[in-house]
């Protein structure tokens, strides 16, 4: 069964509808985006400069976190927090 996931980011592919067959997890989308942008993918924990929301809720509030399975109609938001300074 085909699922449509809405992907929002502040870099790369944004406001895109992903159409997928079968199982897709948050981690797979995140890793794919990072590789597309030539950004090193964290292996253990998320970098504090990365914010991931699933249906408006921080991914850390989900029991499976990055391994949460995406469902039809989900909205996945992945943001890189810009650094400031001076």
PDB file of N, CA and C in Angstrom:
ATOM      1  N   UNK A   1       0.833  -1.179   0.000  1.00  0.00           N
ATOM      2  CA  UNK A   1       0.000   0.000   0.000  1.00  0.00           C
ATOM      3  C   UNK A   1       0.889   1.257   0.000  1.00  0.00           C
ATOM      4  N   UNK A   2       0.586   2.184  -0.852  1.00  0.00           N
ATOM      5  CA  UNK A   2       1.376   3.410  -0.966  1.00  0.00           C
ATOM      6  C   UNK A   2       0.999   4.403   0.130  1.00  0.00           C
ATOM      7  N   UNK A   3       2.035   5.063   0.678  1.00  0.00           N
ATOM      8  CA  UNK A   3       1.838   6.093   1.698  1.00  0.00           C
ATOM      9  C   UNK A   3       2.393   7.409   1.178  1.00  0.00           C
ATOM     10  N   UNK A   4       1.782   8.500   1.595  1.00  0.00           N
ATOM     11  CA  UNK A   4       2.298   9.823   1.275  1.00  0.00           C
ATOM     12  C   UNK A   4       2.695  10.502   2.579  1.00  0.00           C
ATOM     13  N   UNK A   5       3.955  10.916   2.642  1.00  0.00           N
ATOM     14  CA  UNK A   5       4.505  11.596   3.808  1.00  0.00           C
ATOM     15  C   UNK A   5       4.896  13.006   3.371  1.00  0.00           C
ATOM     16  N   UNK A   6       4.498  14.016   4.137  1.00  0.00           N
ATOM     17  CA  UNK A   6       4.897  15.400   3.828  1.00  0.00           C
ATOM     18  C   UNK A   6       6.203  15.684   4.551  1.00  0.00           C
ATOM     19  N   UNK A   7       7.208  16.140   3.803  1.00  0.00           N
ATOM     20  CA  UNK A   7       8.525  16.441   4.350  1.00  0.00           C
ATOM     21  C   UNK A   7       8.768  17.940   4.299  1.00  0.00           C
ATOM     22  N   UNK A   8       9.092  18.517   5.448  1.00  0.00           N
ATOM     23  CA  UNK A   8       9.425  19.939   5.553  1.00  0.00           C
ATOM     24  C   UNK A   8      10.829  20.059   6.136  1.00  0.00           C
ATOM     25  N   UNK A   9      11.676  20.884   5.518  1.00  0.00           N
ATOM     26  CA  UNK A   9      13.021  21.136   6.033  1.00  0.00           C
ATOM     27  C   UNK A   9      13.368  22.603   5.819  1.00  0.00           C
ATOM     28  N   UNK A  10      14.445  23.038   6.468  1.00  0.00           N
ATOM     29  CA  UNK A  10      14.946  24.384   6.205  1.00  0.00           C
ATOM     30  C   UNK A  10      16.232  24.310   5.381  1.00  0.00           C
ATOM     31  N   UNK A  11      16.411  23.190   4.692  1.00  0.00           N
ATOM     32  CA  UNK A  11      17.553  22.977   3.805  1.00  0.00           C
ATOM     33  C   UNK A  11      17.142  21.925   2.778  1.00  0.00           C
ATOM     34  N   UNK A  12      17.839  21.884   1.682  1.00  0.00           N
ATOM     35  CA  UNK A  12      17.600  20.823   0.689  1.00  0.00           C
ATOM     36  C   UNK A  12      16.161  20.731   0.234  1.00  0.00           C
ATOM     37  N   UNK A  13      15.670  19.503   0.181  1.00  0.00           N
ATOM     38  CA  UNK A  13      14.296  19.239  -0.261  1.00  0.00           C
ATOM     39  C   UNK A  13      13.331  19.729   0.812  1.00  0.00           C
ATOM     40  N   UNK A  14      12.431  20.598   0.444  1.00  0.00           N
ATOM     41  CA  UNK A  14      11.473  21.087   1.429  1.00  0.00           C
ATOM     42  C   UNK A  14      10.082  21.124   0.834  1.00  0.00           C
ATOM     43  N   UNK A  15       9.122  20.947   1.708  1.00  0.00           N
ATOM     44  CA  UNK A  15       7.719  20.973   1.314  1.00  0.00           C
ATOM     45  C   UNK A  15       7.475  19.965   0.183  1.00  0.00           C
ATOM     46  N   UNK A  16       7.973  18.778   0.406  1.00  0.00           N
ATOM     47  CA  UNK A  16       7.887  17.741  -0.607  1.00  0.00           C
ATOM     48  C   UNK A  16       7.009  16.601  -0.105  1.00  0.00           C
ATOM     49  N   UNK A  17       6.217  16.023  -0.997  1.00  0.00           N
ATOM     50  CA  UNK A  17       5.422  14.848  -0.654  1.00  0.00           C
ATOM     51  C   UNK A  17       6.179  13.613  -1.098  1.00  0.00           C
ATOM     52  N   UNK A  18       6.536  12.767  -0.124  1.00  0.00           N
ATOM     53  CA  UNK A  18       7.224  11.513  -0.423  1.00  0.00           C
ATOM     54  C   UNK A  18       6.174  10.426  -0.597  1.00  0.00           C
ATOM     55  N   UNK A  19       6.207   9.751  -1.705  1.00  0.00           N
ATOM     56  CA  UNK A  19       5.304   8.628  -1.935  1.00  0.00           C
ATOM     57  C   UNK A  19       6.132   7.358  -1.817  1.00  0.00           C
ATOM     58  N   UNK A  20       5.769   6.507  -0.859  1.00  0.00           N
ATOM     59  CA  UNK A  20       6.564   5.309  -0.588  1.00  0.00           C
ATOM     60  C   UNK A  20       5.678   4.080  -0.471  1.00  0.00           C
ATOM     61  N   UNK A  21       6.276   2.957  -0.790  1.00  0.00           N
ATOM     62  CA  UNK A  21       5.644   1.655  -0.611  1.00  0.00           C
ATOM     63  C   UNK A  21       6.314   0.989   0.581  1.00  0.00           C
ATOM     64  N   UNK A  22       5.561   0.282   1.369  1.00  0.00           N
ATOM     65  CA  UNK A  22       6.148  -0.482   2.474  1.00  0.00           C
ATOM     66  C   UNK A  22       6.529   0.377   3.660  1.00  0.00           C
ATOM     67  N   UNK A  23       7.489  -0.144   4.430  1.00  0.00           N
ATOM     68  CA  UNK A  23       7.900   0.482   5.680  1.00  0.00           C
ATOM     69  C   UNK A  23       8.947   1.567   5.438  1.00  0.00           C
ATOM     70  N   UNK A  24       8.748   2.702   6.060  1.00  0.00           N
ATOM     71  CA  UNK A  24       9.718   3.792   6.024  1.00  0.00           C
ATOM     72  C   UNK A  24       9.807   4.353   7.428  1.00  0.00           C
ATOM     73  N   UNK A  25      11.015   4.493   7.916  1.00  0.00           N
ATOM     74  CA  UNK A  25      11.238   5.008   9.263  1.00  0.00           C
ATOM     75  C   UNK A  25      11.864   6.403   9.198  1.00  0.00           C
ATOM     76  N   UNK A  26      11.691   7.162  10.268  1.00  0.00           N
ATOM     77  CA  UNK A  26      12.229   8.520  10.354  1.00  0.00           C
ATOM     78  C   UNK A  26      13.732   8.508  10.060  1.00  0.00           C
ATOM     79  N   UNK A  27      14.447   7.546  10.630  1.00  0.00           N
ATOM     80  CA  UNK A  27      15.898   7.452  10.451  1.00  0.00           C
ATOM     81  C   UNK A  27      16.289   7.385   8.970  1.00  0.00           C
ATOM     82  N   UNK A  28      15.553   6.620   8.182  1.00  0.00           N
ATOM     83  CA  UNK A  28      15.872   6.456   6.764  1.00  0.00           C
ATOM     84  C   UNK A  28      15.766   7.784   6.010  1.00  0.00           C
ATOM     85  N   UNK A  29      14.730   8.549   6.309  1.00  0.00           N
ATOM     86  CA  UNK A  29      14.553   9.851   5.648  1.00  0.00           C
ATOM     87  C   UNK A  29      15.661  10.800   6.088  1.00  0.00           C
ATOM     88  N   UNK A  30      15.942  10.829   7.387  1.00  0.00           N
ATOM     89  CA  UNK A  30      16.975  11.704   7.934  1.00  0.00           C
ATOM     90  C   UNK A  30      18.342  11.397   7.319  1.00  0.00           C
ATOM     91  N   UNK A  31      18.731  10.139   7.318  1.00  0.00           N
ATOM     92  CA  UNK A  31      20.035   9.741   6.769  1.00  0.00           C
ATOM     93  C   UNK A  31      20.126  10.093   5.284  1.00  0.00           C
ATOM     94  N   UNK A  32      19.059   9.843   4.550  1.00  0.00           N
ATOM     95  CA  UNK A  32      19.045  10.149   3.119  1.00  0.00           C
ATOM     96  C   UNK A  32      19.235  11.642   2.866  1.00  0.00           C
ATOM     97  N   UNK A  33      18.540  12.471   3.630  1.00  0.00           N
ATOM     98  CA  UNK A  33      18.669  13.929   3.487  1.00  0.00           C
ATOM     99  C   UNK A  33      20.090  14.396   3.794  1.00  0.00           C
ATOM    100  N   UNK A  34      20.657  13.872   4.868  1.00  0.00           N
ATOM    101  CA  UNK A  34      22.003  14.281   5.270  1.00  0.00           C
ATOM    102  C   UNK A  34      23.022  13.890   4.191  1.00  0.00           C
ATOM    103  N   UNK A  35      22.884  12.697   3.654  1.00  0.00           N
ATOM    104  CA  UNK A  35      23.805  12.253   2.611  1.00  0.00           C
ATOM    105  C   UNK A  35      23.656  13.099   1.346  1.00  0.00           C
ATOM    106  N   UNK A  36      22.416  13.444   0.993  1.00  0.00           N
ATOM    107  CA  UNK A  36      22.176  14.286  -0.179  1.00  0.00           C
ATOM    108  C   UNK A  36      22.861  15.646  -0.040  1.00  0.00           C
ATOM    109  N   UNK A  37      22.966  16.134   1.176  1.00  0.00           N
ATOM    110  CA  UNK A  37      23.558  17.447   1.436  1.00  0.00           C
ATOM    111  C   UNK A  37      25.033  17.353   1.817  1.00  0.00           C
ATOM    112  N   UNK A  38      25.607  16.136   1.742  1.00  0.00           N
ATOM    113  CA  UNK A  38      27.008  15.894   2.132  1.00  0.00           C
ATOM    114  C   UNK A  38      27.281  16.338   3.563  1.00  0.00           C
ATOM    115  N   UNK A  39      26.333  16.041   4.449  1.00  0.00           N
ATOM    116  CA  UNK A  39      26.470  16.360   5.866  1.00  0.00           C
ATOM    117  C   UNK A  39      26.717  15.052   6.605  1.00  0.00           C
ATOM    118  N   UNK A  40      27.685  15.063   7.517  1.00  0.00           N
ATOM    119  CA  UNK A  40      28.001  13.864   8.286  1.00  0.00           C
ATOM    120  C   UNK A  40      26.801  13.459   9.136  1.00  0.00           C
ATOM    121  N   UNK A  41      26.469  12.173   9.073  1.00  0.00           N
ATOM    122  CA  UNK A  41      25.307  11.664   9.795  1.00  0.00           C
ATOM    123  C   UNK A  41      25.743  11.177  11.170  1.00  0.00           C
ATOM    124  N   UNK A  42      25.110  11.698  12.235  1.00  0.00           N
ATOM    125  CA  UNK A  42      25.457  11.218  13.578  1.00  0.00           C
ATOM    126  C   UNK A  42      25.075   9.748  13.722  1.00  0.00           C
ATOM    127  N   UNK A  43      25.918   8.968  14.375  1.00  0.00           N
ATOM    128  CA  UNK A  43      25.672   7.531  14.467  1.00  0.00           C
ATOM    129  C   UNK A  43      24.917   7.134  15.729  1.00  0.00           C
ATOM    130  N   UNK A  44      25.190   7.777  16.840  1.00  0.00           N
ATOM    131  CA  UNK A  44      24.578   7.367  18.101  1.00  0.00           C
ATOM    132  C   UNK A  44      23.373   8.245  18.469  1.00  0.00           C
ATOM    133  N   UNK A  45      23.643   9.502  18.747  1.00  0.00           N
ATOM    134  CA  UNK A  45      22.595  10.411  19.183  1.00  0.00           C
ATOM    135  C   UNK A  45      22.472  11.561  18.194  1.00  0.00           C
ATOM    136  N   UNK A  46      21.304  12.157  18.201  1.00  0.00           N
ATOM    137  CA  UNK A  46      21.098  13.323  17.353  1.00  0.00           C
ATOM    138  C   UNK A  46      21.911  14.499  17.868  1.00  0.00           C
ATOM    139  N   UNK A  47      22.492  15.215  16.953  1.00  0.00           N
ATOM    140  CA  UNK A  47      23.190  16.444  17.290  1.00  0.00           C
ATOM    141  C   UNK A  47      22.149  17.429  17.818  1.00  0.00           C
ATOM    142  N   UNK A  48      22.466  18.178  18.877  1.00  0.00           N
ATOM    143  CA  UNK A  48      21.493  19.148  19.408  1.00  0.00           C
ATOM    144  C   UNK A  48      21.118  20.234  18.398  1.00  0.00           C
ATOM    145  N   UNK A  49      21.886  20.352  17.314  1.00  0.00           N
ATOM    146  CA  UNK A  49      21.581  21.355  16.296  1.00  0.00           C
ATOM    147  C   UNK A  49      20.575  20.841  15.269  1.00  0.00           C
ATOM    148  N   UNK A  50      20.100  19.601  15.455  1.00  0.00           N
ATOM    149  CA  UNK A  50      19.102  19.015  14.561  1.00  0.00           C
ATOM    150  C   UNK A  50      17.799  18.864  15.328  1.00  0.00           C
ATOM    151  N   UNK A  51      16.727  19.361  14.743  1.00  0.00           N
ATOM    152  CA  UNK A  51      15.400  19.226  15.347  1.00  0.00           C
ATOM    153  C   UNK A  51      14.531  18.412  14.395  1.00  0.00           C
ATOM    154  N   UNK A  52      13.954  17.339  14.921  1.00  0.00           N
ATOM    155  CA  UNK A  52      13.067  16.501  14.116  1.00  0.00           C
ATOM    156  C   UNK A  52      11.710  16.440  14.801  1.00  0.00           C
ATOM    157  N   UNK A  53      10.689  16.789  14.035  1.00  0.00           N
ATOM    158  CA  UNK A  53       9.319  16.749  14.530  1.00  0.00           C
ATOM    159  C   UNK A  53       8.503  15.794  13.669  1.00  0.00           C
ATOM    160  N   UNK A  54       7.681  14.991  14.314  1.00  0.00           N
ATOM    161  CA  UNK A  54       6.758  14.115  13.609  1.00  0.00           C
ATOM    162  C   UNK A  54       5.357  14.532  14.021  1.00  0.00           C
ATOM    163  N   UNK A  55       4.609  15.021  13.060  1.00  0.00           N
ATOM    164  CA  UNK A  55       3.260  15.537  13.307  1.00  0.00           C
ATOM    165  C   UNK A  55       3.266  16.610  14.404  1.00  0.00           C
ATOM    166  N   UNK A  56       4.299  17.482  14.354  1.00  0.00           N
ATOM    167  CA  UNK A  56       4.380  18.615  15.274  1.00  0.00           C
ATOM    168  C   UNK A  56       4.940  18.278  16.643  1.00  0.00           C
ATOM    169  N   UNK A  57       5.340  17.038  16.865  1.00  0.00           N
ATOM    170  CA  UNK A  57       5.821  16.587  18.176  1.00  0.00           C
ATOM    171  C   UNK A  57       7.285  16.166  18.063  1.00  0.00           C
ATOM    172  N   UNK A  58       8.118  16.623  18.998  1.00  0.00           N
ATOM    173  CA  UNK A  58       9.539  16.280  18.990  1.00  0.00           C
ATOM    174  C   UNK A  58       9.712  14.765  18.948  1.00  0.00           C
ATOM    175  N   UNK A  59      10.613  14.297  18.100  1.00  0.00           N
ATOM    176  CA  UNK A  59      10.814  12.869  17.893  1.00  0.00           C
ATOM    177  C   UNK A  59      11.222  12.161  19.184  1.00  0.00           C
ATOM    178  N   UNK A  60      11.847  12.887  20.108  1.00  0.00           N
ATOM    179  CA  UNK A  60      12.270  12.283  21.374  1.00  0.00           C
ATOM    180  C   UNK A  60      11.107  11.886  22.270  1.00  0.00           C
ATOM    181  N   UNK A  61       9.899  12.362  21.979  1.00  0.00           N
ATOM    182  CA  UNK A  61       8.725  11.984  22.760  1.00  0.00           C
ATOM    183  C   UNK A  61       8.092  10.686  22.253  1.00  0.00           C
ATOM    184  N   UNK A  62       8.571  10.186  21.129  1.00  0.00           N
ATOM    185  CA  UNK A  62       8.076   8.903  20.596  1.00  0.00           C
ATOM    186  C   UNK A  62       8.910   7.774  21.181  1.00  0.00           C
ATOM    187  N   UNK A  63       8.290   6.657  21.472  1.00  0.00           N
ATOM    188  CA  UNK A  63       9.009   5.551  22.112  1.00  0.00           C
ATOM    189  C   UNK A  63      10.142   5.003  21.254  1.00  0.00           C
ATOM    190  N   UNK A  64       9.972   4.978  19.942  1.00  0.00           N
ATOM    191  CA  UNK A  64      11.004   4.416  19.061  1.00  0.00           C
ATOM    192  C   UNK A  64      11.939   5.487  18.511  1.00  0.00           C
ATOM    193  N   UNK A  65      11.686   6.736  18.824  1.00  0.00           N
ATOM    194  CA  UNK A  65      12.489   7.878  18.367  1.00  0.00           C
ATOM    195  C   UNK A  65      12.750   7.810  16.860  1.00  0.00           C
ATOM    196  N   UNK A  66      14.010   7.734  16.428  1.00  0.00           N
ATOM    197  CA  UNK A  66      14.317   7.729  14.997  1.00  0.00           C
ATOM    198  C   UNK A  66      13.818   6.476  14.281  1.00  0.00           C
ATOM    199  N   UNK A  67      13.512   5.439  15.024  1.00  0.00           N
ATOM    200  CA  UNK A  67      13.032   4.200  14.403  1.00  0.00           C
ATOM    201  C   UNK A  67      11.507   4.152  14.313  1.00  0.00           C
ATOM    202  N   UNK A  68      10.863   5.277  14.584  1.00  0.00           N
ATOM    203  CA  UNK A  68       9.406   5.365  14.462  1.00  0.00           C
ATOM    204  C   UNK A  68       9.008   5.175  12.997  1.00  0.00           C
ATOM    205  N   UNK A  69       8.040   4.314  12.777  1.00  0.00           N
ATOM    206  CA  UNK A  69       7.565   4.056  11.414  1.00  0.00           C
ATOM    207  C   UNK A  69       6.632   5.177  10.969  1.00  0.00           C
ATOM    208  N   UNK A  70       6.842   5.646   9.758  1.00  0.00           N
ATOM    209  CA  UNK A  70       5.998   6.705   9.199  1.00  0.00           C
ATOM    210  C   UNK A  70       4.731   6.101   8.623  1.00  0.00           C
ATOM    211  N   UNK A  71       3.616   6.803   8.844  1.00  0.00           N
ATOM    212  CA  UNK A  71       2.319   6.349   8.361  1.00  0.00           C
ATOM    213  C   UNK A  71       1.787   7.320   7.304  1.00  0.00           C
ATOM    214  N   UNK A  72       0.836   6.870   6.540  1.00  0.00           N
ATOM    215  CA  UNK A  72       0.229   7.708   5.517  1.00  0.00           C
ATOM    216  C   UNK A  72      -0.309   8.992   6.147  1.00  0.00           C
ATOM    217  N   UNK A  73       0.039  10.120   5.550  1.00  0.00           N
ATOM    218  CA  UNK A  73      -0.446  11.408   6.022  1.00  0.00           C
ATOM    219  C   UNK A  73       0.424  12.072   7.073  1.00  0.00           C
ATOM    220  N   UNK A  74       1.480  11.379   7.532  1.00  0.00           N
ATOM    221  CA  UNK A  74       2.376  11.976   8.524  1.00  0.00           C
ATOM    222  C   UNK A  74       3.081  13.197   7.947  1.00  0.00           C
ATOM    223  N   UNK A  75       3.422  14.119   8.845  1.00  0.00           N
ATOM    224  CA  UNK A  75       4.210  15.292   8.477  1.00  0.00           C
ATOM    225  C   UNK A  75       5.524  15.199   9.239  1.00  0.00           C
ATOM    226  N   UNK A  76       6.615  15.080   8.497  1.00  0.00           N
ATOM    227  CA  UNK A  76       7.950  14.970   9.078  1.00  0.00           C
ATOM    228  C   UNK A  76       8.696  16.272   8.825  1.00  0.00           C
ATOM    229  N   UNK A  77       9.176  16.890   9.899  1.00  0.00           N
ATOM    230  CA  UNK A  77       9.919  18.144   9.792  1.00  0.00           C
ATOM    231  C   UNK A  77      11.341  17.916  10.318  1.00  0.00           C
ATOM    232  N   UNK A  78      12.331  18.300   9.507  1.00  0.00           N
ATOM    233  CA  UNK A  78      13.723  18.170   9.905  1.00  0.00           C
ATOM    234  C   UNK A  78      14.386  19.526   9.701  1.00  0.00           C
ATOM    235  N   UNK A  79      14.889  20.082  10.810  1.00  0.00           N
ATOM    236  CA  UNK A  79      15.482  21.416  10.766  1.00  0.00           C
ATOM    237  C   UNK A  79      16.898  21.398  11.308  1.00  0.00           C
ATOM    238  N   UNK A  80      17.779  22.113  10.640  1.00  0.00           N
ATOM    239  CA  UNK A  80      19.123  22.362  11.151  1.00  0.00           C
ATOM    240  C   UNK A  80      19.098  23.740  11.785  1.00  0.00           C
ATOM    241  N   UNK A  81      19.548  23.825  13.040  1.00  0.00           N
ATOM    242  CA  UNK A  81      19.547  25.087  13.762  1.00  0.00           C
ATOM    243  C   UNK A  81      20.796  25.882  13.384  1.00  0.00           C
ATOM    244  N   UNK A  82      20.607  27.070  12.817  1.00  0.00           N
ATOM    245  CA  UNK A  82      21.779  27.872  12.447  1.00  0.00           C
ATOM    246  C   UNK A  82      22.479  28.400  13.699  1.00  0.00           C
ATOM    247  N   UNK A  83      23.799  28.465  13.606  1.00  0.00           N
ATOM    248  CA  UNK A  83      24.592  29.008  14.712  1.00  0.00           C
ATOM    249  C   UNK A  83      24.810  30.493  14.509  1.00  0.00           C
ATOM    250  N   UNK A  84      24.772  31.201  15.568  1.00  0.00           N
ATOM    251  CA  UNK A  84      25.059  32.631  15.508  1.00  0.00           C
ATOM    252  C   UNK A  84      26.237  32.939  16.395  1.00  0.00           C
ATOM    253  N   UNK A  85      26.718  34.086  16.319  1.00  0.00           N
ATOM    254  CA  UNK A  85      27.822  34.460  17.188  1.00  0.00           C
ATOM    255  C   UNK A  85      28.402  35.799  16.777  1.00  0.00           C
ATOM    256  N   UNK A  86      29.351  36.189  17.512  1.00  0.00           N
ATOM    257  CA  UNK A  86      29.945  37.454  17.151  1.00  0.00           C
ATOM    258  C   UNK A  86      31.023  37.851  18.088  1.00  0.00           C
TER     259      UNK A  86
END
